[in-house]
């Protein structure tokens, strides 16, 4: 079976690696480490198809150490023990380099089994992961390793790799491949910074191209089908999921409706309107809040409509809710108030209730104060009378601060008025 194009053209030297200039350019940290010939324990973190495995293989091929490769998706504890068993043998006299792909799939016991050997230098570990290593990798392994973050490759950086792919396919098949600059750019922009995806798209584009004698022409129409939705980077359970939701939330909070619509569109395009709707319901109370209280029922109505309609029509009420919240005045006073109240509650001992608020009307023998003495506010002007409501230990605590917006300032003025008139 023929190997995928992405494997055939995998770079053999750092000069052919596209992207990652922040760590691989001349004078940058990872480049200097590789050129020094001394390989420390390292963890490569970043999305799929950005060069983590490629760089690890280049290091392994040039370090002179015995290379062992394991993948966290199928590696067992016995596989790790097999690597450890070769320590000190003739075949590993220059040291063992273990390349562990997708380390996040190893459980804690499997990761711990490596600790002694990577700490004393019997094994040098290069691990890669698509998940945040500070959550997905055991802390003791992290503390013994240097973490390098790999970033998505820009479309401009992908262009040379795509040209190289077409050249290799042309040499292998003996056919000339006609791909315009526009076609190459379209592939580059459709792959979301994923080199592997760009290579696979280029390979499929050739297979679907219009063939004539010794020539294959790649057409816009065939590429349109191949590239659709391929620029989406999204995983429902990983970092991308929470990064998009975080970016969406912060864009609404920051009153940037255009950015908010962009991130909402990414979630809609991925088909994940459930997470988007839940986040919108949160934002309505957390960030718009009392500055525009009607945002809560309006957003709830839009969410209900979206879930009832389903895609693609769900995009309409979602867009309405997003724009409404992004352009609305903002206040986090309610959020801050409940958080302050919860903080006090967690730091206090068991608290009693003021006698006049309790739901009892008969005092026991020996009670210091006989009678409930509750003042019914509706019997007083403006339906207000001053009395203590908080427990004695918290009676002077203030949780809610009126924010500086029209709605809350109007409520503050009304509060001041009824207090003044009650004296």
Protein backbone atom coordinates (compact mmCIF):
# COMPACT_ATOMS: atom_id res chain seq x y z
CA UNK A 1 0.00 0.00 0.00
CA UNK A 2 1.35 3.41 -0.95
CA UNK A 3 2.35 5.70 1.91
CA UNK A 4 0.38 8.96 2.33
CA UNK A 5 1.90 11.99 0.65
CA UNK A 6 2.35 13.68 4.04
CA UNK A 7 4.78 10.90 5.05
CA UNK A 8 6.57 10.85 1.71
CA UNK A 9 7.49 14.52 1.85
CA UNK A 10 8.13 14.75 5.58
CA UNK A 11 11.19 17.03 6.01
CA UNK A 12 14.50 15.38 6.84
CA UNK A 13 16.17 18.59 8.00
CA UNK A 14 15.15 21.72 9.88
CA UNK A 15 15.60 23.76 6.70
CA UNK A 16 12.55 22.07 5.18
CA UNK A 17 10.27 22.50 8.20
CA UNK A 18 7.61 25.15 7.56
CA UNK A 19 6.47 27.49 10.32
CA UNK A 20 7.56 27.49 13.99
CA UNK A 21 10.05 30.32 13.47
CA UNK A 22 9.51 31.39 17.08
CA UNK A 23 11.42 28.28 18.24
CA UNK A 24 13.22 26.99 15.13
CA UNK A 25 14.63 30.08 13.41
CA UNK A 26 18.36 30.78 13.67
CA UNK A 27 19.23 31.68 17.25
CA UNK A 28 15.90 30.52 18.68
CA UNK A 29 15.83 28.19 21.71
CA UNK A 30 14.85 24.85 20.17
CA UNK A 31 17.14 25.39 17.17
CA UNK A 32 20.10 26.03 19.48
CA UNK A 33 19.30 22.96 21.58
CA UNK A 34 19.15 20.74 18.48
CA UNK A 35 22.40 22.15 17.08
CA UNK A 36 24.19 21.70 20.41
CA UNK A 37 23.90 17.93 20.08
CA UNK A 38 22.73 17.61 23.68
CA UNK A 39 19.10 16.50 23.81
CA UNK A 40 17.17 17.26 27.02
CA UNK A 41 13.79 15.84 27.95
CA UNK A 42 11.22 17.81 25.98
CA UNK A 43 7.46 18.02 25.47
CA UNK A 44 6.13 19.38 22.18
CA UNK A 45 2.67 20.87 22.56
CA UNK A 46 0.41 22.10 19.78
CA UNK A 47 -2.39 21.21 17.36
CA UNK A 48 -2.20 18.37 14.86
CA UNK A 49 -0.16 18.66 11.68
CA UNK A 50 2.18 21.49 12.67
CA UNK A 51 5.50 19.61 12.79
CA UNK A 52 5.82 18.12 16.29
CA UNK A 53 6.48 14.59 15.06
CA UNK A 54 8.65 15.81 12.19
CA UNK A 55 10.96 17.81 14.47
CA UNK A 56 11.17 14.95 16.95
CA UNK A 57 12.22 12.58 14.14
CA UNK A 58 14.84 15.02 12.88
CA UNK A 59 16.31 15.24 16.39
CA UNK A 60 16.28 11.45 16.74
CA UNK A 61 17.90 10.88 13.35
CA UNK A 62 20.75 13.25 14.13
CA UNK A 63 21.56 12.52 17.76
CA UNK A 64 23.17 9.09 17.36
CA UNK A 65 21.04 7.60 20.14
CA UNK A 66 18.98 4.44 19.87
CA UNK A 67 15.50 5.52 18.89
CA UNK A 68 12.34 3.95 20.29
CA UNK A 69 8.88 5.13 19.20
CA UNK A 70 5.66 4.64 21.13
CA UNK A 71 2.20 6.09 20.66
CA UNK A 72 0.11 6.85 23.72
CA UNK A 73 -3.07 5.65 22.04
CA UNK A 74 -1.92 2.01 22.01
CA UNK A 75 1.22 1.81 24.19
CA UNK A 76 0.99 -0.43 27.25
CA UNK A 77 3.03 -0.66 30.42
CA UNK A 78 4.79 -3.72 28.98
CA UNK A 79 5.85 -1.64 25.95
CA UNK A 80 7.49 0.86 28.28
CA UNK A 81 9.16 -1.98 30.22
CA UNK A 82 10.58 -3.33 26.96
CA UNK A 83 12.27 0.03 26.34
CA UNK A 84 13.60 0.14 29.91
CA UNK A 85 14.95 -3.42 29.55
CA UNK A 86 17.35 -2.25 26.82
CA UNK A 87 19.10 0.25 29.09
CA UNK A 88 22.81 -0.61 29.28
CA UNK A 89 22.77 -3.08 26.39
CA UNK A 90 25.22 -2.94 23.48
CA UNK A 91 22.58 -1.51 21.16
CA UNK A 92 21.94 1.45 23.46
CA UNK A 93 25.51 2.38 24.36
CA UNK A 94 24.96 5.95 23.09
CA UNK A 95 21.78 6.30 25.12
CA UNK A 96 18.09 5.75 24.48
CA UNK A 97 15.83 8.37 22.93
CA UNK A 98 12.16 7.59 23.46
CA UNK A 99 9.76 9.44 21.20
CA UNK A 100 6.33 9.21 22.80
CA UNK A 101 3.55 10.56 20.60
CA UNK A 102 0.20 11.56 22.15
CA UNK A 103 1.51 11.23 25.70
CA UNK A 104 -1.81 12.52 27.06
CA UNK A 105 -3.34 9.10 26.44
CA UNK A 106 -1.01 7.37 28.91
CA UNK A 107 -2.43 7.01 32.38
CA UNK A 108 -0.67 8.27 35.49
CA UNK A 109 0.92 4.89 36.32
CA UNK A 110 2.32 4.55 32.80
CA UNK A 111 3.81 8.06 32.91
CA UNK A 112 5.22 7.47 36.41
CA UNK A 113 7.02 4.34 35.22
CA UNK A 114 9.35 6.59 33.17
CA UNK A 115 10.28 9.01 35.94
CA UNK A 116 13.33 7.26 37.39
CA UNK A 117 14.89 6.73 33.97
CA UNK A 118 14.34 10.20 32.53
CA UNK A 119 15.61 11.78 35.75
CA UNK A 120 18.90 9.87 35.85
CA UNK A 121 19.45 10.17 32.10
CA UNK A 122 19.09 6.51 31.15
CA UNK A 123 16.25 7.57 28.83
CA UNK A 124 15.82 10.89 27.05
CA UNK A 125 12.15 11.62 26.47
CA UNK A 126 10.66 13.62 23.64
CA UNK A 127 6.88 13.59 23.98
CA UNK A 128 4.24 15.29 21.89
CA UNK A 129 0.67 16.19 22.76
CA UNK A 130 -2.23 18.13 21.29
CA UNK A 131 -3.59 18.86 24.77
CA UNK A 132 -2.30 21.42 27.25
CA UNK A 133 0.53 19.47 28.94
CA UNK A 134 0.02 21.26 32.25
CA UNK A 135 -3.34 19.49 32.48
CA UNK A 136 -2.76 16.34 30.40
CA UNK A 137 0.74 15.32 31.53
CA UNK A 138 1.72 14.17 35.01
CA UNK A 139 3.35 17.03 36.96
CA UNK A 140 6.50 15.07 37.78
CA UNK A 141 7.12 14.48 34.07
CA UNK A 142 6.51 18.16 33.33
CA UNK A 143 9.00 19.23 36.00
CA UNK A 144 11.72 17.13 34.37
CA UNK A 145 11.06 18.40 30.85
CA UNK A 146 11.15 21.58 28.79
CA UNK A 147 7.86 22.43 27.08
CA UNK A 148 7.87 23.93 23.57
CA UNK A 149 4.64 25.16 22.04
CA UNK A 150 4.07 24.59 18.32
CA UNK A 151 1.63 26.95 16.61
CA UNK A 152 -0.64 26.62 13.53
CA UNK A 153 1.24 27.30 10.31
CA UNK A 154 0.14 30.38 8.36
CA UNK A 155 -1.24 30.05 4.83
CA UNK A 156 1.78 31.90 3.43
CA UNK A 157 4.14 29.43 5.12
CA UNK A 158 2.15 26.50 3.70
CA UNK A 159 2.57 27.59 0.07
CA UNK A 160 6.16 26.25 -0.37
CA UNK A 161 5.15 22.90 1.15
CA UNK A 162 2.19 22.59 -1.24
CA UNK A 163 4.40 23.43 -4.25
CA UNK A 164 6.87 20.82 -3.05
CA UNK A 165 4.05 18.27 -2.76
CA UNK A 166 2.92 18.88 -6.35
CA UNK A 167 6.52 18.61 -7.56
CA UNK A 168 7.03 15.25 -5.85
CA UNK A 169 3.73 13.89 -7.19
CA UNK A 170 4.65 15.06 -10.67
CA UNK A 171 8.03 13.32 -10.48
CA UNK A 172 6.47 10.08 -9.21
CA UNK A 173 3.67 9.94 -11.78
CA UNK A 174 5.55 11.39 -14.75
CA UNK A 175 2.63 13.75 -15.35
CA UNK A 176 2.74 17.53 -15.32
CA UNK A 177 0.47 18.99 -12.64
CA UNK A 178 -1.19 22.27 -13.50
CA UNK A 179 -2.07 24.16 -10.31
CA UNK A 180 -2.44 27.92 -10.49
CA UNK A 181 -1.23 30.24 -7.74
CA UNK A 182 -4.88 30.80 -6.84
CA UNK A 183 -5.42 27.06 -6.41
CA UNK A 184 -2.35 26.72 -4.21
CA UNK A 185 -3.44 29.65 -2.04
CA UNK A 186 -6.93 28.22 -1.76
CA UNK A 187 -5.50 24.94 -0.45
CA UNK A 188 -3.26 26.84 1.96
CA UNK A 189 -6.10 28.94 3.35
CA UNK A 190 -8.51 26.01 3.62
CA UNK A 191 -6.43 23.87 5.94
CA UNK A 192 -6.44 25.84 9.19
CA UNK A 193 -2.66 25.85 9.67
CA UNK A 194 -2.42 22.03 9.41
CA UNK A 195 0.45 20.93 7.12
CA UNK A 196 -0.72 17.32 7.04
CA UNK A 197 -4.20 18.38 6.02
CA UNK A 198 -2.75 20.60 3.29
CA UNK A 199 -0.73 17.65 1.93
CA UNK A 200 -3.76 15.36 1.96
CA UNK A 201 -5.86 18.00 0.20
CA UNK A 202 -3.17 18.48 -2.46
CA UNK A 203 -3.00 14.71 -3.03
CA UNK A 204 -6.77 14.38 -3.38
CA UNK A 205 -6.88 17.42 -5.67
CA UNK A 206 -4.53 15.65 -8.08
CA UNK A 207 -6.58 12.45 -7.93
CA UNK A 208 -9.75 14.41 -8.69
CA UNK A 209 -8.12 16.65 -11.32
CA UNK A 210 -8.92 16.67 -15.03
CA UNK A 211 -6.47 14.27 -16.67
CA UNK A 212 -5.31 14.53 -20.24
CA UNK A 213 -2.19 13.19 -21.96
CA UNK A 214 0.68 13.52 -19.45
CA UNK A 215 -1.12 16.39 -17.68
CA UNK A 216 -3.38 16.74 -14.66
CA UNK A 217 -5.19 20.05 -14.16
CA UNK A 218 -6.65 20.94 -10.77
CA UNK A 219 -9.97 22.74 -11.08
CA UNK A 220 -11.72 25.18 -8.76
CA UNK A 221 -14.87 23.06 -8.70
CA UNK A 222 -13.19 19.87 -7.47
CA UNK A 223 -11.12 21.77 -4.93
CA UNK A 224 -14.25 23.50 -3.58
CA UNK A 225 -15.67 20.12 -2.56
CA UNK A 226 -12.40 18.84 -1.10
CA UNK A 227 -11.65 21.97 0.90
CA UNK A 228 -15.11 22.64 2.34
CA UNK A 229 -15.10 22.98 6.16
CA UNK A 230 -11.48 21.81 6.23
CA UNK A 231 -10.19 25.05 7.74
CA UNK A 232 -12.01 24.33 10.98
CA UNK A 233 -9.84 23.51 14.00
CA UNK A 234 -12.23 22.20 16.61
CA UNK A 235 -12.39 19.44 19.18
CA UNK A 236 -15.40 19.19 21.44
CA UNK A 237 -13.45 18.03 24.48
CA UNK A 238 -10.00 19.62 24.06
CA UNK A 239 -8.28 22.99 24.20
CA UNK A 240 -9.76 24.24 20.92
CA UNK A 241 -13.28 23.83 22.31
CA UNK A 242 -12.56 25.93 25.38
CA UNK A 243 -10.39 28.42 23.49
CA UNK A 244 -13.22 29.23 21.07
CA UNK A 245 -15.78 29.54 23.87
CA UNK A 246 -13.38 31.73 25.85
CA UNK A 247 -12.68 33.96 22.85
CA UNK A 248 -16.40 34.24 22.15
CA UNK A 249 -17.24 35.13 25.77
CA UNK A 250 -14.48 37.73 26.05
CA UNK A 251 -15.44 39.32 22.71
CA UNK A 252 -19.05 39.80 23.87
CA UNK A 253 -17.84 41.11 27.24
CA UNK A 254 -15.52 43.50 25.39
CA UNK A 255 -18.42 44.81 23.23
CA UNK A 256 -16.83 43.65 19.96
CA UNK A 257 -19.81 42.29 18.04
CA UNK A 258 -17.73 41.47 14.96
CA UNK A 259 -15.29 39.24 16.85
CA UNK A 260 -18.18 37.70 18.77
CA UNK A 261 -19.94 36.83 15.51
CA UNK A 262 -16.73 35.33 14.14
CA UNK A 263 -16.32 32.94 17.07
CA UNK A 264 -20.04 32.17 17.10
CA UNK A 265 -19.78 31.31 13.39
CA UNK A 266 -16.93 28.89 14.13
CA UNK A 267 -19.07 27.11 16.70
CA UNK A 268 -22.07 27.08 14.36
CA UNK A 269 -19.96 25.74 11.49
CA UNK A 270 -18.73 22.94 13.73
CA UNK A 271 -22.33 22.08 14.58
CA UNK A 272 -21.88 22.75 18.30
CA UNK A 273 -24.75 25.11 19.08
CA UNK A 274 -25.35 23.51 22.50
CA UNK A 275 -22.10 24.87 23.96
CA UNK A 276 -22.69 28.22 22.28
CA UNK A 277 -26.23 28.54 23.67
CA UNK A 278 -25.13 27.61 27.20
CA UNK A 279 -22.38 30.23 27.08
CA UNK A 280 -24.82 32.91 25.83
CA UNK A 281 -27.19 32.24 28.74
CA UNK A 282 -24.25 32.70 31.11
CA UNK A 283 -23.09 35.94 29.49
CA UNK A 284 -26.55 37.50 29.71
CA UNK A 285 -26.40 37.41 33.52
CA UNK A 286 -22.66 37.58 34.11
CA UNK A 287 -21.62 40.42 31.82
CA UNK A 288 -24.72 42.29 30.65
CA UNK A 289 -26.49 41.76 33.93
CA UNK A 290 -28.34 44.58 35.63
CA UNK A 291 -27.20 47.15 33.07
CA UNK A 292 -29.88 45.67 30.79
CA UNK A 293 -31.86 42.99 32.71
CA UNK A 294 -34.10 42.27 29.71
CA UNK A 295 -31.11 40.62 28.04
CA UNK A 296 -31.81 37.49 30.11
CA UNK A 297 -35.34 36.74 28.81
CA UNK A 298 -34.46 37.87 25.28
CA UNK A 299 -31.39 35.65 25.07
CA UNK A 300 -33.36 32.76 26.62
CA UNK A 301 -36.02 33.19 23.92
CA UNK A 302 -33.34 33.23 21.20
CA UNK A 303 -31.69 30.10 22.63
CA UNK A 304 -35.04 28.28 22.80
CA UNK A 305 -35.73 29.24 19.18
CA UNK A 306 -32.27 28.11 18.06
CA UNK A 307 -32.58 24.71 19.74
CA UNK A 308 -36.09 24.20 18.37
CA UNK A 309 -35.15 25.24 14.84
CA UNK A 310 -31.84 23.42 14.57
CA UNK A 311 -29.22 24.25 11.98
CA UNK A 312 -29.01 26.02 9.61
CA UNK A 313 -31.91 28.26 10.75
CA UNK A 314 -30.60 28.33 14.34
CA UNK A 315 -27.94 30.79 13.19
CA UNK A 316 -30.58 33.56 12.98
CA UNK A 317 -31.74 33.80 16.63
CA UNK A 318 -28.16 33.08 17.73
CA UNK A 319 -26.89 36.06 15.70
CA UNK A 320 -29.61 38.27 17.19
CA UNK A 321 -28.66 37.30 20.74
CA UNK A 322 -24.92 37.73 20.09
CA UNK A 323 -25.31 41.21 18.61
CA UNK A 324 -27.76 42.27 21.34
CA UNK A 325 -25.36 41.30 24.14
CA UNK A 326 -22.24 42.65 22.45
CA UNK A 327 -23.82 46.06 21.87
CA UNK A 328 -25.67 46.24 25.22
CA UNK A 329 -24.34 48.17 28.24
CA UNK A 330 -22.35 45.92 30.57
CA UNK A 331 -22.37 45.26 34.30
CA UNK A 332 -20.90 42.43 36.35
CA UNK A 333 -22.32 43.80 39.63
CA UNK A 334 -24.65 40.81 40.15
CA UNK A 335 -21.81 38.35 39.51
CA UNK A 336 -19.48 40.19 41.88
CA UNK A 337 -22.19 40.41 44.55
CA UNK A 338 -23.04 36.70 44.65
CA UNK A 339 -19.35 35.76 44.57
CA UNK A 340 -18.69 38.04 47.55
CA UNK A 341 -21.63 36.56 49.45
CA UNK A 342 -20.43 33.01 48.73
CA UNK A 343 -16.92 33.92 49.85
CA UNK A 344 -18.23 35.22 53.18
CA UNK A 345 -20.40 32.16 53.65
CA UNK A 346 -17.47 29.79 53.15
CA UNK A 347 -15.33 31.63 55.67
CA UNK A 348 -17.91 31.84 58.46
CA UNK A 349 -19.08 29.38 61.07
CA UNK A 350 -22.72 28.31 61.16
CA UNK A 351 -24.82 31.47 61.14
CA UNK A 352 -28.15 31.98 62.86
CA UNK A 353 -31.00 34.20 61.63
CA UNK A 354 -32.21 37.46 63.14
CA UNK A 355 -35.11 36.61 65.46
CA UNK A 356 -37.61 38.76 63.54
CA UNK A 357 -36.93 36.88 60.29
CA UNK A 358 -37.44 33.39 61.67
CA UNK A 359 -40.47 31.33 60.69
CA UNK A 360 -41.75 30.80 64.22
CA UNK A 361 -44.20 32.70 66.37
CA UNK A 362 -43.79 31.17 69.81
CA UNK A 363 -40.80 31.86 72.04
CA UNK A 364 -39.56 29.22 74.41
CA UNK A 365 -39.23 29.67 78.16
CA UNK A 366 -36.27 31.82 79.06
CA UNK A 367 -36.12 33.64 75.72
CA UNK A 368 -34.34 36.98 76.10
CA UNK A 369 -36.63 38.66 73.59
CA UNK A 370 -40.26 37.68 73.52
CA UNK A 371 -42.16 38.22 70.27
CA UNK A 372 -41.00 38.26 66.70
CA UNK A 373 -41.02 42.07 66.23
CA UNK A 374 -40.90 41.81 62.45
CA UNK A 375 -41.67 45.08 60.65
CA UNK A 376 -43.89 44.48 57.60
CA UNK A 377 -42.50 46.81 54.86
CA UNK A 378 -45.83 47.15 53.05
CA UNK A 379 -47.22 48.95 56.10
CA UNK A 380 -44.75 51.79 55.66
CA UNK A 381 -44.34 54.63 53.12
CA UNK A 382 -42.70 53.48 49.85
CA UNK A 383 -43.03 49.91 51.17
CA UNK A 384 -39.76 50.31 53.03
CA UNK A 385 -38.65 50.29 56.66
CA UNK A 386 -35.13 49.93 57.97
CA UNK A 387 -34.41 46.73 59.91
CA UNK A 388 -31.64 44.14 60.10
CA UNK A 389 -31.81 41.25 57.64
CA UNK A 390 -28.27 39.83 57.65
CA UNK A 391 -27.06 37.58 60.50
CA UNK A 392 -25.39 39.46 63.36
CA UNK A 393 -21.90 38.35 62.27
CA UNK A 394 -22.41 39.89 58.83
CA UNK A 395 -24.81 42.73 59.56
CA UNK A 396 -22.58 45.47 58.13
CA UNK A 397 -21.34 43.59 55.07
CA UNK A 398 -22.03 45.04 51.62
CA UNK A 399 -22.01 42.67 48.64
CA UNK A 400 -23.74 44.59 45.89
CA UNK A 401 -22.32 47.85 44.55
CA UNK A 402 -24.48 49.80 42.13
CA UNK A 403 -22.59 49.96 38.85
CA UNK A 404 -22.18 53.08 36.73
CA UNK A 405 -24.90 52.54 34.14
CA UNK A 406 -28.32 54.07 33.55
CA UNK A 407 -30.35 51.15 34.88
CA UNK A 408 -28.46 50.66 38.14
CA UNK A 409 -27.96 54.35 38.79
CA UNK A 410 -31.74 54.83 38.50
CA UNK A 411 -32.20 52.04 41.06
CA UNK A 412 -29.62 53.70 43.32
CA UNK A 413 -31.41 57.05 43.21
CA UNK A 414 -34.69 55.35 44.08
CA UNK A 415 -33.01 53.56 46.99
CA UNK A 416 -31.62 56.85 48.33
CA UNK A 417 -35.05 58.47 48.01
CA UNK A 418 -36.99 55.86 50.00
CA UNK A 419 -34.29 55.73 52.70
CA UNK A 420 -34.39 59.52 53.07
CA UNK A 421 -38.20 59.55 53.27
CA UNK A 422 -38.26 56.80 55.90
CA UNK A 423 -36.41 58.94 58.45
